[in-house]
Amino acid sequence: MDRVAAADAAPPLAPVLIVLHQENSTPGRVGNVLRALGHPLDIRRPRFGDALPETLDEHAGAVIFGGPMSANDPDDYVRREIDWIAVPLREQRPLLGICLGAQMLARQLGARVAPHPQGRAQIGYYPVYPTDAGRSVCPDWPDHVYHWHREGFDLPDGAELLAEGSDFPNEAFQYGHAFGLQFHPDVTYAMMYRWTTRGHARLAMPGARPRHHHFADRAVHDVVERAWLKHFMQGWLKRQPMLLAQAAE
């Protein structure tokens, strides 16, 4: 019976590549969802010397997270990371960019990343308006999502807008198997506490929400955002490259 059980056991799921930009950053709630779905996490920090793989053949997908730097920075690791995004795009592997990661994806696709023309920031909860395409990808979007940024991206050529905003009109987009989210569904309560403590000075930027609003709004909006993230990640992981189908044609 033991041999039968071993033979019938499902093979382990492939890991998801996790790209982080600070020494103590974590994949937060996204990591929690991926682990709950059975995927190990392959965590890399290119800023601190970790290499990114030449192929994603051994990975189920890749998630590029946020950070305090800009996709426009001249640092070598920023440029190399933007260039590396060509790998999952070419191989049609599931790719998710969150905040800075979405801006890096936009840059790889030739779109502009820039500060708000009036210097406004989104730090806290703000409304989001899904498009018809966004609802087809994942229904039941939250009406407010958590942000921490002062730059936004133009919609890349060939991409489909999934959600709109106010000060920053492009909140989410899809390009093949790649998705960019300007907001932060990955943020846990502990992360929010840490960000609003260490980054307290940024709360004085035009448009930013006062610190106590972050936690009060989380009590209202977090349940829906958490449920949406789980549904979104499940659909994202199901996307597979079309290479085999194309070869059979």
Foldseek 3Di string as FASTA:
>chain_A
DVVVCVVPDDDQAFAEEEEDADPPDDLALLCVLCVVVRHHYRYDYVVVPGDDDPACPRHLYYEYEDDPDACPDPDPSSVVVLVSVVRCVVQLHAYEYEARGLRSPLVNLPWDKAFQPVQAWEAAKFAKAFDPVLCVLFNLAFRIFGAGDGIEIDAHPQKAQGIQGDSHGGAKIDHRLYIYGNGPLRDDPVNLVVCCVVVVVCCPTHHHDHSVRRVVVCVVTNVSSSVRSSRNVVSSSPRHGCVVVVVVD
